Amino acid sequence: MFEAQLLFALPAQNDEYKVFSPWFPREGDNAIYSIETVEQDGSPQLTVHAFTKNSEDAGDGLDASAGTSLSASATPGDTDSDTWAQTLKELVRYEFTIKTSNGAGEWILFRMLPPVWFDDVHQA
């Protein structure tokens, strides 16, 4: 879904830098999200949260990560997956946060894999 995305730490911001993905339509009640580290410089930490909202809602939406997040480690090829099963609304997007300990110049190259969508089981 997001192939080879590169995030840099900003020169004036040593703590964290946040970027949102575009909104995309929900395709099921729940989803399994996965991230993979491709390459990095330094020891940046990348975390991902999912946000959701209806198309008529204004703003950034609500955090659908239910208190958990994905983390991209500093080891290329490592992956992290999680199921975010909070009630998802019509639209979903990711919030990527890069944190560094050494400040500017650190970066991470990652890919966000397509979510695996599945519906809740409803008993009659």
PDB file of N, CA and C in Angstrom:
ATOM      1  N   MET A   1       0.812  -1.189   0.000  1.00  0.00           N
ATOM      2  CA  MET A   1       0.000   0.000   0.000  1.00  0.00           C
ATOM      3  C   MET A   1       0.857   1.255   0.000  1.00  0.00           C
ATOM      4  N   PHE A   2       1.798   1.373   0.909  1.00  0.00           N
ATOM      5  CA  PHE A   2       2.735   2.487   0.926  1.00  0.00           C
ATOM      6  C   PHE A   2       4.125   1.895   0.775  1.00  0.00           C
ATOM      7  N   GLU A   3       4.608   1.826  -0.442  1.00  0.00           N
ATOM      8  CA  GLU A   3       5.900   1.210  -0.721  1.00  0.00           C
ATOM      9  C   GLU A   3       7.032   2.211  -0.559  1.00  0.00           C
ATOM     10  N   ALA A   4       8.076   1.813   0.132  1.00  0.00           N
ATOM     11  CA  ALA A   4       9.321   2.566   0.257  1.00  0.00           C
ATOM     12  C   ALA A   4       9.083   4.032   0.612  1.00  0.00           C
ATOM     13  N   GLN A   5       8.449   4.261   1.734  1.00  0.00           N
ATOM     14  CA  GLN A   5       8.232   5.619   2.241  1.00  0.00           C
ATOM     15  C   GLN A   5       9.422   6.012   3.111  1.00  0.00           C
ATOM     16  N   LEU A   6       9.901   7.223   2.931  1.00  0.00           N
ATOM     17  CA  LEU A   6      11.078   7.703   3.648  1.00  0.00           C
ATOM     18  C   LEU A   6      10.672   8.848   4.566  1.00  0.00           C
ATOM     19  N   LEU A   7      10.967   8.724   5.855  1.00  0.00           N
ATOM     20  CA  LEU A   7      10.712   9.796   6.817  1.00  0.00           C
ATOM     21  C   LEU A   7      12.030  10.234   7.425  1.00  0.00           C
ATOM     22  N   PHE A   8      12.264  11.552   7.431  1.00  0.00           N
ATOM     23  CA  PHE A   8      13.457  12.155   8.022  1.00  0.00           C
ATOM     24  C   PHE A   8      13.086  12.848   9.318  1.00  0.00           C
ATOM     25  N   ALA A   9      14.029  12.881  10.257  1.00  0.00           N
ATOM     26  CA  ALA A   9      13.874  13.731  11.431  1.00  0.00           C
ATOM     27  C   ALA A   9      14.189  15.160  10.994  1.00  0.00           C
ATOM     28  N   LEU A  10      13.413  16.102  11.443  1.00  0.00           N
ATOM     29  CA  LEU A  10      13.625  17.499  11.053  1.00  0.00           C
ATOM     30  C   LEU A  10      14.733  18.133  11.880  1.00  0.00           C
ATOM     31  N   PRO A  11      15.488  19.074  11.296  1.00  0.00           N
ATOM     32  CA  PRO A  11      16.609  19.699  12.023  1.00  0.00           C
ATOM     33  C   PRO A  11      16.215  20.374  13.325  1.00  0.00           C
ATOM     34  N   ALA A  12      15.057  21.022  13.366  1.00  0.00           N
ATOM     35  CA  ALA A  12      14.672  21.763  14.566  1.00  0.00           C
ATOM     36  C   ALA A  12      13.824  20.948  15.527  1.00  0.00           C
ATOM     37  N   GLN A  13      13.616  19.703  15.237  1.00  0.00           N
ATOM     38  CA  GLN A  13      12.701  18.901  16.045  1.00  0.00           C
ATOM     39  C   GLN A  13      13.360  17.589  16.446  1.00  0.00           C
ATOM     40  N   ASN A  14      13.888  17.522  17.651  1.00  0.00           N
ATOM     41  CA  ASN A  14      14.587  16.319  18.089  1.00  0.00           C
ATOM     42  C   ASN A  14      13.671  15.282  18.691  1.00  0.00           C
ATOM     43  N   ASP A  15      12.457  15.657  19.056  1.00  0.00           N
ATOM     44  CA  ASP A  15      11.582  14.716  19.734  1.00  0.00           C
ATOM     45  C   ASP A  15      10.822  13.826  18.762  1.00  0.00           C
ATOM     46  N   GLU A  16       9.872  14.405  18.035  1.00  0.00           N
ATOM     47  CA  GLU A  16       9.072  13.588  17.143  1.00  0.00           C
ATOM     48  C   GLU A  16       8.498  14.432  16.008  1.00  0.00           C
ATOM     49  N   TYR A  17       8.165  13.738  14.952  1.00  0.00           N
ATOM     50  CA  TYR A  17       7.600  14.362  13.766  1.00  0.00           C
ATOM     51  C   TYR A  17       6.477  13.458  13.283  1.00  0.00           C
ATOM     52  N   LYS A  18       5.284  14.026  13.033  1.00  0.00           N
ATOM     53  CA  LYS A  18       4.116  13.234  12.648  1.00  0.00           C
ATOM     54  C   LYS A  18       3.687  13.553  11.224  1.00  0.00           C
ATOM     55  N   VAL A  19       3.294  12.492  10.516  1.00  0.00           N
ATOM     56  CA  VAL A  19       2.789  12.614   9.153  1.00  0.00           C
ATOM     57  C   VAL A  19       1.559  11.723   9.036  1.00  0.00           C
ATOM     58  N   PHE A  20       0.500  12.235   8.394  1.00  0.00           N
ATOM     59  CA  PHE A  20      -0.697  11.446   8.156  1.00  0.00           C
ATOM     60  C   PHE A  20      -0.718  10.943   6.721  1.00  0.00           C
ATOM     61  N   SER A  21      -1.216   9.731   6.524  1.00  0.00           N
ATOM     62  CA  SER A  21      -1.432   9.198   5.177  1.00  0.00           C
ATOM     63  C   SER A  21      -2.746   9.767   4.642  1.00  0.00           C
ATOM     64  N   PRO A  22      -2.996   9.592   3.352  1.00  0.00           N
ATOM     65  CA  PRO A  22      -4.323   9.959   2.835  1.00  0.00           C
ATOM     66  C   PRO A  22      -5.389   9.029   3.415  1.00  0.00           C
ATOM     67  N   TRP A  23      -6.636   9.499   3.420  1.00  0.00           N
ATOM     68  CA  TRP A  23      -7.752   8.671   3.848  1.00  0.00           C
ATOM     69  C   TRP A  23      -8.014   7.593   2.805  1.00  0.00           C
ATOM     70  N   PHE A  24      -8.421   6.409   3.248  1.00  0.00           N
ATOM     71  CA  PHE A  24      -8.824   5.343   2.329  1.00  0.00           C
ATOM     72  C   PHE A  24     -10.069   4.668   2.905  1.00  0.00           C
ATOM     73  N   PRO A  25     -10.902   4.054   2.053  1.00  0.00           N
ATOM     74  CA  PRO A  25     -12.162   3.487   2.533  1.00  0.00           C
ATOM     75  C   PRO A  25     -11.963   2.218   3.363  1.00  0.00           C
ATOM     76  N   ARG A  26     -12.786   2.082   4.374  1.00  0.00           N
ATOM     77  CA  ARG A  26     -12.820   0.858   5.174  1.00  0.00           C
ATOM     78  C   ARG A  26     -13.379  -0.263   4.298  1.00  0.00           C
ATOM     79  N   GLU A  27     -12.819  -1.461   4.424  1.00  0.00           N
ATOM     80  CA  GLU A  27     -13.276  -2.594   3.620  1.00  0.00           C
ATOM     81  C   GLU A  27     -13.758  -3.755   4.472  1.00  0.00           C
ATOM     82  N   GLY A  28     -13.900  -3.542   5.770  1.00  0.00           N
ATOM     83  CA  GLY A  28     -14.383  -4.571   6.674  1.00  0.00           C
ATOM     84  C   GLY A  28     -14.558  -3.990   8.062  1.00  0.00           C
ATOM     85  N   ASP A  29     -15.059  -4.812   8.994  1.00  0.00           N
ATOM     86  CA  ASP A  29     -15.244  -4.349  10.367  1.00  0.00           C
ATOM     87  C   ASP A  29     -13.921  -4.174  11.103  1.00  0.00           C
ATOM     88  N   ASN A  30     -12.931  -4.989  10.776  1.00  0.00           N
ATOM     89  CA  ASN A  30     -11.643  -5.018  11.459  1.00  0.00           C
ATOM     90  C   ASN A  30     -10.537  -5.145  10.428  1.00  0.00           C
ATOM     91  N   ALA A  31      -9.302  -4.910  10.877  1.00  0.00           N
ATOM     92  CA  ALA A  31      -8.182  -5.046   9.956  1.00  0.00           C
ATOM     93  C   ALA A  31      -6.927  -5.471  10.705  1.00  0.00           C
ATOM     94  N   ILE A  32      -6.071  -6.195  10.001  1.00  0.00           N
ATOM     95  CA  ILE A  32      -4.735  -6.513  10.487  1.00  0.00           C
ATOM     96  C   ILE A  32      -3.785  -5.618   9.701  1.00  0.00           C
ATOM     97  N   TYR A  33      -3.030  -4.784  10.413  1.00  0.00           N
ATOM     98  CA  TYR A  33      -2.106  -3.839   9.801  1.00  0.00           C
ATOM     99  C   TYR A  33      -0.682  -4.319  10.018  1.00  0.00           C
ATOM    100  N   SER A  34       0.172  -4.126   8.995  1.00  0.00           N
ATOM    101  CA  SER A  34       1.569  -4.566   9.093  1.00  0.00           C
ATOM    102  C   SER A  34       2.504  -3.515   8.507  1.00  0.00           C
ATOM    103  N   ILE A  35       3.663  -3.366   9.156  1.00  0.00           N
ATOM    104  CA  ILE A  35       4.698  -2.455   8.699  1.00  0.00           C
ATOM    105  C   ILE A  35       6.004  -3.236   8.617  1.00  0.00           C
ATOM    106  N   GLU A  36       6.863  -2.862   7.661  1.00  0.00           N
ATOM    107  CA  GLU A  36       8.158  -3.515   7.502  1.00  0.00           C
ATOM    108  C   GLU A  36       9.240  -2.461   7.327  1.00  0.00           C
ATOM    109  N   THR A  37      10.335  -2.612   8.079  1.00  0.00           N
ATOM    110  CA  THR A  37      11.489  -1.732   7.928  1.00  0.00           C
ATOM    111  C   THR A  37      12.301  -2.181   6.725  1.00  0.00           C
ATOM    112  N   VAL A  38      12.657  -1.229   5.859  1.00  0.00           N
ATOM    113  CA  VAL A  38      13.498  -1.528   4.701  1.00  0.00           C
ATOM    114  C   VAL A  38      14.939  -1.157   4.999  1.00  0.00           C
ATOM    115  N   GLU A  39      15.148   0.060   5.476  1.00  0.00           N
ATOM    116  CA  GLU A  39      16.490   0.547   5.777  1.00  0.00           C
ATOM    117  C   GLU A  39      16.368   1.758   6.694  1.00  0.00           C
ATOM    118  N   GLN A  40      17.435   2.094   7.414  1.00  0.00           N
ATOM    119  CA  GLN A  40      17.409   3.271   8.276  1.00  0.00           C
ATOM    120  C   GLN A  40      18.821   3.805   8.465  1.00  0.00           C
ATOM    121  N   ASP A  41      18.892   5.059   8.951  1.00  0.00           N
ATOM    122  CA  ASP A  41      20.158   5.671   9.334  1.00  0.00           C
ATOM    123  C   ASP A  41      19.997   6.152  10.767  1.00  0.00           C
ATOM    124  N   GLY A  42      20.870   5.737  11.639  1.00  0.00           N
ATOM    125  CA  GLY A  42      20.740   6.062  13.052  1.00  0.00           C
ATOM    126  C   GLY A  42      19.820   5.062  13.729  1.00  0.00           C
ATOM    127  N   SER A  43      19.144   5.519  14.766  1.00  0.00           N
ATOM    128  CA  SER A  43      18.239   4.649  15.516  1.00  0.00           C
ATOM    129  C   SER A  43      16.854   5.273  15.665  1.00  0.00           C
ATOM    130  N   PRO A  44      16.248   5.674  14.562  1.00  0.00           N
ATOM    131  CA  PRO A  44      14.913   6.268  14.695  1.00  0.00           C
ATOM    132  C   PRO A  44      13.883   5.218  15.081  1.00  0.00           C
ATOM    133  N   GLN A  45      12.859   5.661  15.770  1.00  0.00           N
ATOM    134  CA  GLN A  45      11.755   4.784  16.130  1.00  0.00           C
ATOM    135  C   GLN A  45      10.518   5.289  15.401  1.00  0.00           C
ATOM    136  N   LEU A  46       9.861   4.412  14.671  1.00  0.00           N
ATOM    137  CA  LEU A  46       8.658   4.766  13.933  1.00  0.00           C
ATOM    138  C   LEU A  46       7.472   4.028  14.527  1.00  0.00           C
ATOM    139  N   THR A  47       6.431   4.755  14.890  1.00  0.00           N
ATOM    140  CA  THR A  47       5.204   4.143  15.378  1.00  0.00           C
ATOM    141  C   THR A  47       4.049   4.543  14.471  1.00  0.00           C
ATOM    142  N   VAL A  48       3.056   3.656  14.387  1.00  0.00           N
ATOM    143  CA  VAL A  48       1.915   3.874  13.506  1.00  0.00           C
ATOM    144  C   VAL A  48       0.630   3.672  14.295  1.00  0.00           C
ATOM    145  N   HIS A  49      -0.289   4.611  14.134  1.00  0.00           N
ATOM    146  CA  HIS A  49      -1.639   4.509  14.676  1.00  0.00           C
ATOM    147  C   HIS A  49      -2.613   4.616  13.516  1.00  0.00           C
ATOM    148  N   ALA A  50      -3.774   4.000  13.650  1.00  0.00           N
ATOM    149  CA  ALA A  50      -4.836   4.113  12.644  1.00  0.00           C
ATOM    150  C   ALA A  50      -5.899   5.073  13.172  1.00  0.00           C
ATOM    151  N   PHE A  51      -6.363   5.958  12.310  1.00  0.00           N
ATOM    152  CA  PHE A  51      -7.428   6.900  12.647  1.00  0.00           C
ATOM    153  C   PHE A  51      -8.615   6.619  11.745  1.00  0.00           C
ATOM    154  N   THR A  52      -9.818   6.904  12.240  1.00  0.00           N
ATOM    155  CA  THR A  52     -11.028   6.613  11.483  1.00  0.00           C
ATOM    156  C   THR A  52     -12.042   7.735  11.656  1.00  0.00           C
ATOM    157  N   LYS A  53     -12.864   7.944  10.632  1.00  0.00           N
ATOM    158  CA  LYS A  53     -13.954   8.914  10.700  1.00  0.00           C
ATOM    159  C   LYS A  53     -14.937   8.637   9.581  1.00  0.00           C
ATOM    160  N   ASN A  54     -16.124   9.234   9.674  1.00  0.00           N
ATOM    161  CA  ASN A  54     -17.089   9.189   8.588  1.00  0.00           C
ATOM    162  C   ASN A  54     -16.774  10.307   7.606  1.00  0.00           C
ATOM    163  N   SER A  55     -17.213  10.166   6.374  1.00  0.00           N
ATOM    164  CA  SER A  55     -16.857  11.129   5.332  1.00  0.00           C
ATOM    165  C   SER A  55     -17.361  12.540   5.632  1.00  0.00           C
ATOM    166  N   GLU A  56     -18.462  12.677   6.372  1.00  0.00           N
ATOM    167  CA  GLU A  56     -18.980  14.009   6.668  1.00  0.00           C
ATOM    168  C   GLU A  56     -18.329  14.648   7.892  1.00  0.00           C
ATOM    169  N   ASP A  57     -17.509  13.891   8.641  1.00  0.00           N
ATOM    170  CA  ASP A  57     -16.847  14.415   9.837  1.00  0.00           C
ATOM    171  C   ASP A  57     -15.642  15.266   9.471  1.00  0.00           C
ATOM    172  N   ALA A  58     -15.456  16.363  10.189  1.00  0.00           N
ATOM    173  CA  ALA A  58     -14.277  17.210  10.002  1.00  0.00           C
ATOM    174  C   ALA A  58     -13.153  16.735  10.926  1.00  0.00           C
ATOM    175  N   GLY A  59     -11.940  17.161  10.664  1.00  0.00           N
ATOM    176  CA  GLY A  59     -10.822  16.891  11.559  1.00  0.00           C
ATOM    177  C   GLY A  59     -10.048  15.628  11.242  1.00  0.00           C
ATOM    178  N   ASP A  60      -9.181  15.266  12.197  1.00  0.00           N
ATOM    179  CA  ASP A  60      -8.255  14.151  12.030  1.00  0.00           C
ATOM    180  C   ASP A  60      -8.880  12.790  12.279  1.00  0.00           C
ATOM    181  N   GLY A  61     -10.086  12.731  12.828  1.00  0.00           N
ATOM    182  CA  GLY A  61     -10.710  11.462  13.136  1.00  0.00           C
ATOM    183  C   GLY A  61     -10.331  10.972  14.523  1.00  0.00           C
ATOM    184  N   LEU A  62     -10.796   9.776  14.872  1.00  0.00           N
ATOM    185  CA  LEU A  62     -10.542   9.172  16.175  1.00  0.00           C
ATOM    186  C   LEU A  62      -9.481   8.088  16.054  1.00  0.00           C
ATOM    187  N   ASP A  63      -8.654   7.953  17.084  1.00  0.00           N
ATOM    188  CA  ASP A  63      -7.625   6.923  17.092  1.00  0.00           C
ATOM    189  C   ASP A  63      -8.294   5.561  17.233  1.00  0.00           C
ATOM    190  N   ALA A  64      -8.140   4.710  16.226  1.00  0.00           N
ATOM    191  CA  ALA A  64      -8.758   3.376  16.225  1.00  0.00           C
ATOM    192  C   ALA A  64      -7.773   2.298  16.657  1.00  0.00           C
ATOM    193  N   SER A  65      -6.625   2.706  17.163  1.00  0.00           N
ATOM    194  CA  SER A  65      -5.580   1.743  17.525  1.00  0.00           C
ATOM    195  C   SER A  65      -5.821   1.073  18.861  1.00  0.00           C
ATOM    196  N   ALA A  66      -6.819   1.520  19.597  1.00  0.00           N
ATOM    197  CA  ALA A  66      -7.203   0.916  20.880  1.00  0.00           C
ATOM    198  C   ALA A  66      -6.026   0.805  21.845  1.00  0.00           C
ATOM    199  N   GLY A  67      -5.213   1.854  21.919  1.00  0.00           N
ATOM    200  CA  GLY A  67      -4.102   1.879  22.866  1.00  0.00           C
ATOM    201  C   GLY A  67      -2.859   1.143  22.423  1.00  0.00           C
ATOM    202  N   THR A  68      -2.866   0.550  21.240  1.00  0.00           N
ATOM    203  CA  THR A  68      -1.682  -0.136  20.737  1.00  0.00           C
ATOM    204  C   THR A  68      -1.182   0.583  19.495  1.00  0.00           C
ATOM    205  N   SER A  69       0.039   0.292  19.108  1.00  0.00           N
ATOM    206  CA  SER A  69       0.598   0.879  17.896  1.00  0.00           C
ATOM    207  C   SER A  69       1.553  -0.110  17.260  1.00  0.00           C
ATOM    208  N   LEU A  70       1.822   0.106  15.993  1.00  0.00           N
ATOM    209  CA  LEU A  70       2.854  -0.666  15.301  1.00  0.00           C
ATOM    210  C   LEU A  70       4.178   0.050  15.488  1.00  0.00           C
ATOM    211  N   SER A  71       5.262  -0.689  15.552  1.00  0.00           N
ATOM    212  CA  SER A  71       6.589  -0.089  15.670  1.00  0.00           C
ATOM    213  C   SER A  71       7.512  -0.684  14.633  1.00  0.00           C
ATOM    214  N   ALA A  72       8.207   0.186  13.921  1.00  0.00           N
ATOM    215  CA  ALA A  72       9.229  -0.257  12.982  1.00  0.00           C
ATOM    216  C   ALA A  72      10.562  -0.220  13.714  1.00  0.00           C
ATOM    217  N   SER A  73      11.213  -1.350  13.797  1.00  0.00           N
ATOM    218  CA  SER A  73      12.488  -1.424  14.506  1.00  0.00           C
ATOM    219  C   SER A  73      13.611  -0.930  13.607  1.00  0.00           C
ATOM    220  N   ALA A  74      14.791  -0.847  14.173  1.00  0.00           N
ATOM    221  CA  ALA A  74      15.954  -0.390  13.429  1.00  0.00           C
ATOM    222  C   ALA A  74      16.614  -1.512  12.636  1.00  0.00           C
ATOM    223  N   THR A  75      16.017  -2.689  12.609  1.00  0.00           N
ATOM    224  CA  THR A  75      16.598  -3.815  11.880  1.00  0.00           C
ATOM    225  C   THR A  75      15.868  -4.006  10.557  1.00  0.00           C
ATOM    226  N   PRO A  76      16.550  -3.793   9.425  1.00  0.00           N
ATOM    227  CA  PRO A  76      15.895  -3.980   8.131  1.00  0.00           C
ATOM    228  C   PRO A  76      15.313  -5.384   7.996  1.00  0.00           C
ATOM    229  N   GLY A  77      14.115  -5.455   7.430  1.00  0.00           N
ATOM    230  CA  GLY A  77      13.438  -6.724   7.237  1.00  0.00           C
ATOM    231  C   GLY A  77      12.500  -7.101   8.365  1.00  0.00           C
ATOM    232  N   ASP A  78      12.619  -6.427   9.510  1.00  0.00           N
ATOM    233  CA  ASP A  78      11.717  -6.718  10.618  1.00  0.00           C
ATOM    234  C   ASP A  78      10.322  -6.195  10.310  1.00  0.00           C
ATOM    235  N   THR A  79       9.318  -6.929  10.783  1.00  0.00           N
ATOM    236  CA  THR A  79       7.935  -6.520  10.592  1.00  0.00           C
ATOM    237  C   THR A  79       7.224  -6.476  11.932  1.00  0.00           C
ATOM    238  N   ASP A  80       6.132  -5.740  11.967  1.00  0.00           N
ATOM    239  CA  ASP A  80       5.264  -5.702  13.135  1.00  0.00           C
ATOM    240  C   ASP A  80       3.838  -5.664  12.612  1.00  0.00           C
ATOM    241  N   SER A  81       2.963  -6.440  13.231  1.00  0.00           N
ATOM    242  CA  SER A  81       1.557  -6.503  12.835  1.00  0.00           C
ATOM    243  C   SER A  81       0.685  -6.427  14.073  1.00  0.00           C
ATOM    244  N   ASP A  82      -0.516  -5.913  13.892  1.00  0.00           N
ATOM    245  CA  ASP A  82      -1.475  -5.875  14.982  1.00  0.00           C
ATOM    246  C   ASP A  82      -2.876  -5.826  14.390  1.00  0.00           C
ATOM    247  N   THR A  83      -3.843  -6.300  15.150  1.00  0.00           N
ATOM    248  CA  THR A  83      -5.238  -6.228  14.745  1.00  0.00           C
ATOM    249  C   THR A  83      -5.875  -5.072  15.491  1.00  0.00           C
ATOM    250  N   TRP A  84      -6.415  -4.140  14.733  1.00  0.00           N
ATOM    251  CA  TRP A  84      -7.132  -3.024  15.328  1.00  0.00           C
ATOM    252  C   TRP A  84      -8.602  -3.263  15.080  1.00  0.00           C
ATOM    253  N   ALA A  85      -9.302  -3.629  16.139  1.00  0.00           N
ATOM    254  CA  ALA A  85     -10.673  -4.097  15.994  1.00  0.00           C
ATOM    255  C   ALA A  85     -11.694  -3.148  16.590  1.00  0.00           C
ATOM    256  N   GLN A  86     -11.281  -1.930  16.910  1.00  0.00           N
ATOM    257  CA  GLN A  86     -12.263  -0.958  17.361  1.00  0.00           C
ATOM    258  C   GLN A  86     -13.197  -0.674  16.192  1.00  0.00           C
ATOM    259  N   THR A  87     -14.412  -0.306  16.472  1.00  0.00           N
ATOM    260  CA  THR A  87     -15.368  -0.040  15.410  1.00  0.00           C
ATOM    261  C   THR A  87     -14.803   0.999  14.451  1.00  0.00           C
ATOM    262  N   LEU A  88     -14.591   0.581  13.221  1.00  0.00           N
ATOM    263  CA  LEU A  88     -14.056   1.482  12.206  1.00  0.00           C
ATOM    264  C   LEU A  88     -15.198   2.180  11.490  1.00  0.00           C
ATOM    265  N   LYS A  89     -15.003   3.440  11.196  1.00  0.00           N
ATOM    266  CA  LYS A  89     -16.006   4.209  10.469  1.00  0.00           C
ATOM    267  C   LYS A  89     -15.727   4.083   8.972  1.00  0.00           C
ATOM    268  N   GLU A  90     -16.293   4.952   8.158  1.00  0.00           N
ATOM    269  CA  GLU A  90     -16.190   4.844   6.697  1.00  0.00           C
ATOM    270  C   GLU A  90     -14.770   4.986   6.158  1.00  0.00           C
ATOM    271  N   LEU A  91     -13.964   5.862   6.780  1.00  0.00           N
ATOM    272  CA  LEU A  91     -12.629   6.156   6.281  1.00  0.00           C
ATOM    273  C   LEU A  91     -11.572   5.820   7.321  1.00  0.00           C
ATOM    274  N   VAL A  92     -10.388   5.437   6.844  1.00  0.00           N
ATOM    275  CA  VAL A  92      -9.272   5.093   7.720  1.00  0.00           C
ATOM    276  C   VAL A  92      -8.016   5.762   7.162  1.00  0.00           C
ATOM    277  N   ARG A  93      -7.101   6.155   8.051  1.00  0.00           N
ATOM    278  CA  ARG A  93      -5.785   6.630   7.625  1.00  0.00           C
ATOM    279  C   ARG A  93      -4.784   6.368   8.729  1.00  0.00           C
ATOM    280  N   TYR A  94      -3.509   6.436   8.372  1.00  0.00           N
ATOM    281  CA  TYR A  94      -2.431   6.165   9.319  1.00  0.00           C
ATOM    282  C   TYR A  94      -1.803   7.463   9.805  1.00  0.00           C
ATOM    283  N   GLU A  95      -1.339   7.433  11.042  1.00  0.00           N
ATOM    284  CA  GLU A  95      -0.496   8.491  11.581  1.00  0.00           C
ATOM    285  C   GLU A  95       0.876   7.867  11.823  1.00  0.00           C
ATOM    286  N   PHE A  96       1.893   8.350  11.127  1.00  0.00           N
ATOM    287  CA  PHE A  96       3.265   7.879  11.285  1.00  0.00           C
ATOM    288  C   PHE A  96       4.013   8.879  12.162  1.00  0.00           C
ATOM    289  N   THR A  97       4.646   8.398  13.236  1.00  0.00           N
ATOM    290  CA  THR A  97       5.425   9.267  14.127  1.00  0.00           C
ATOM    291  C   THR A  97       6.852   8.757  14.177  1.00  0.00           C
ATOM    292  N   ILE A  98       7.803   9.614  13.785  1.00  0.00           N
ATOM    293  CA  ILE A  98       9.218   9.252  13.867  1.00  0.00           C
ATOM    294  C   ILE A  98       9.823   9.973  15.064  1.00  0.00           C
ATOM    295  N   LYS A  99      10.505   9.219  15.915  1.00  0.00           N
ATOM    296  CA  LYS A  99      11.197   9.773  17.081  1.00  0.00           C
ATOM    297  C   LYS A  99      12.675   9.449  16.942  1.00  0.00           C
ATOM    298  N   THR A 100      13.512  10.396  17.327  1.00  0.00           N
ATOM    299  CA  THR A 100      14.951  10.174  17.260  1.00  0.00           C
ATOM    300  C   THR A 100      15.592  10.558  18.580  1.00  0.00           C
ATOM    301  N   SER A 101      16.752   9.986  18.829  1.00  0.00           N
ATOM    302  CA  SER A 101      17.507  10.358  20.023  1.00  0.00           C
ATOM    303  C   SER A 101      18.658  11.284  19.666  1.00  0.00           C
ATOM    304  N   ASN A 102      19.104  11.235  18.406  1.00  0.00           N
ATOM    305  CA  ASN A 102      20.254  12.032  17.987  1.00  0.00           C
ATOM    306  C   ASN A 102      19.876  13.240  17.157  1.00  0.00           C
ATOM    307  N   GLY A 103      18.587  13.468  16.945  1.00  0.00           N
ATOM    308  CA  GLY A 103      18.158  14.658  16.228  1.00  0.00           C
ATOM    309  C   GLY A 103      18.194  14.499  14.722  1.00  0.00           C
ATOM    310  N   ALA A 104      18.463  15.588  14.044  1.00  0.00           N
ATOM    311  CA  ALA A 104      18.378  15.660  12.587  1.00  0.00           C
ATOM    312  C   ALA A 104      19.333  14.698  11.910  1.00  0.00           C
ATOM    313  N   GLY A 105      18.961  14.295  10.719  1.00  0.00           N
ATOM    314  CA  GLY A 105      19.814  13.430   9.917  1.00  0.00           C
ATOM    315  C   GLY A 105      19.415  11.970   9.970  1.00  0.00           C
ATOM    316  N   GLU A 106      18.705  11.557  11.003  1.00  0.00           N
ATOM    317  CA  GLU A 106      18.247  10.172  11.070  1.00  0.00           C
ATOM    318  C   GLU A 106      17.019  10.010  10.178  1.00  0.00           C
ATOM    319  N   TRP A 107      16.905   8.851   9.578  1.00  0.00           N
ATOM    320  CA  TRP A 107      15.764   8.572   8.702  1.00  0.00           C
ATOM    321  C   TRP A 107      15.437   7.096   8.732  1.00  0.00           C
ATOM    322  N   ILE A 108      14.237   6.776   8.251  1.00  0.00           N
ATOM    323  CA  ILE A 108      13.816   5.383   8.142  1.00  0.00           C
ATOM    324  C   ILE A 108      13.055   5.209   6.829  1.00  0.00           C
ATOM    325  N   LEU A 109      13.355   4.138   6.146  1.00  0.00           N
ATOM    326  CA  LEU A 109      12.673   3.755   4.915  1.00  0.00           C
ATOM    327  C   LEU A 109      11.824   2.532   5.271  1.00  0.00           C
ATOM    328  N   PHE A 110      10.527   2.618   5.030  1.00  0.00           N
ATOM    329  CA  PHE A 110       9.626   1.551   5.453  1.00  0.00           C
ATOM    330  C   PHE A 110       8.548   1.344   4.403  1.00  0.00           C
ATOM    331  N   ARG A 111       7.833   0.245   4.555  1.00  0.00           N
ATOM    332  CA  ARG A 111       6.634   0.049   3.743  1.00  0.00           C
ATOM    333  C   ARG A 111       5.504  -0.400   4.650  1.00  0.00           C
ATOM    334  N   MET A 112       4.351   0.152   4.367  1.00  0.00           N
ATOM    335  CA  MET A 112       3.122  -0.199   5.072  1.00  0.00           C
ATOM    336  C   MET A 112       2.376  -1.153   4.167  1.00  0.00           C
ATOM    337  N   LEU A 113       2.225  -2.398   4.609  1.00  0.00           N
ATOM    338  CA  LEU A 113       1.592  -3.416   3.782  1.00  0.00           C
ATOM    339  C   LEU A 113       0.074  -3.208   3.726  1.00  0.00           C
ATOM    340  N   PRO A 114      -0.576  -3.686   2.665  1.00  0.00           N
ATOM    341  CA  PRO A 114      -2.034  -3.532   2.592  1.00  0.00           C
ATOM    342  C   PRO A 114      -2.705  -4.222   3.779  1.00  0.00           C
ATOM    343  N   PRO A 115      -3.712  -3.579   4.382  1.00  0.00           N
ATOM    344  CA  PRO A 115      -4.395  -4.229   5.509  1.00  0.00           C
ATOM    345  C   PRO A 115      -5.166  -5.464   5.058  1.00  0.00           C
ATOM    346  N   VAL A 116      -5.276  -6.417   5.964  1.00  0.00           N
ATOM    347  CA  VAL A 116      -6.111  -7.599   5.739  1.00  0.00           C
ATOM    348  C   VAL A 116      -7.428  -7.315   6.452  1.00  0.00           C
ATOM    349  N   TRP A 117      -8.493  -7.175   5.682  1.00  0.00           N
ATOM    350  CA  TRP A 117      -9.803  -6.812   6.230  1.00  0.00           C
ATOM    351  C   TRP A 117     -10.616  -8.070   6.553  1.00  0.00           C
ATOM    352  N   PHE A 118     -11.388  -8.013   7.646  1.00  0.00           N
ATOM    353  CA  PHE A 118     -12.310  -9.093   7.973  1.00  0.00           C
ATOM    354  C   PHE A 118     -13.472  -8.529   8.779  1.00  0.00           C
ATOM    355  N   ASP A 119     -14.624  -9.184   8.650  1.00  0.00           N
ATOM    356  CA  ASP A 119     -15.841  -8.738   9.317  1.00  0.00           C
ATOM    357  C   ASP A 119     -16.039  -9.482  10.637  1.00  0.00           C
ATOM    358  N   ASP A 120     -16.789  -8.853  11.531  1.00  0.00           N
ATOM    359  CA  ASP A 120     -17.174  -9.498  12.782  1.00  0.00           C
ATOM    360  C   ASP A 120     -18.104 -10.663  12.493  1.00  0.00           C
ATOM    361  N   VAL A 121     -18.082 -11.653  13.369  1.00  0.00           N
ATOM    362  CA  VAL A 121     -19.007 -12.769  13.260  1.00  0.00           C
ATOM    363  C   VAL A 121     -20.258 -12.391  14.039  1.00  0.00           C
ATOM    364  N   HIS A 122     -21.402 -12.485  13.375  1.00  0.00           N
ATOM    365  CA  HIS A 122     -22.672 -12.151  14.006  1.00  0.00           C
ATOM    366  C   HIS A 122     -23.489 -13.434  14.189  1.00  0.00           C
ATOM    367  N   GLN A 123     -23.903 -13.674  15.413  1.00  0.00           N
ATOM    368  CA  GLN A 123     -24.714 -14.870  15.681  1.00  0.00           C
ATOM    369  C   GLN A 123     -26.196 -14.517  15.592  1.00  0.00           C
ATOM    370  N   ALA A 124     -26.964 -15.433  15.072  1.00  0.00           N
ATOM    371  CA  ALA A 124     -28.407 -15.196  14.909  1.00  0.00           C
ATOM    372  C   ALA A 124     -29.143 -15.404  16.208  1.00  0.00           C
TER     373      ALA A 124
END
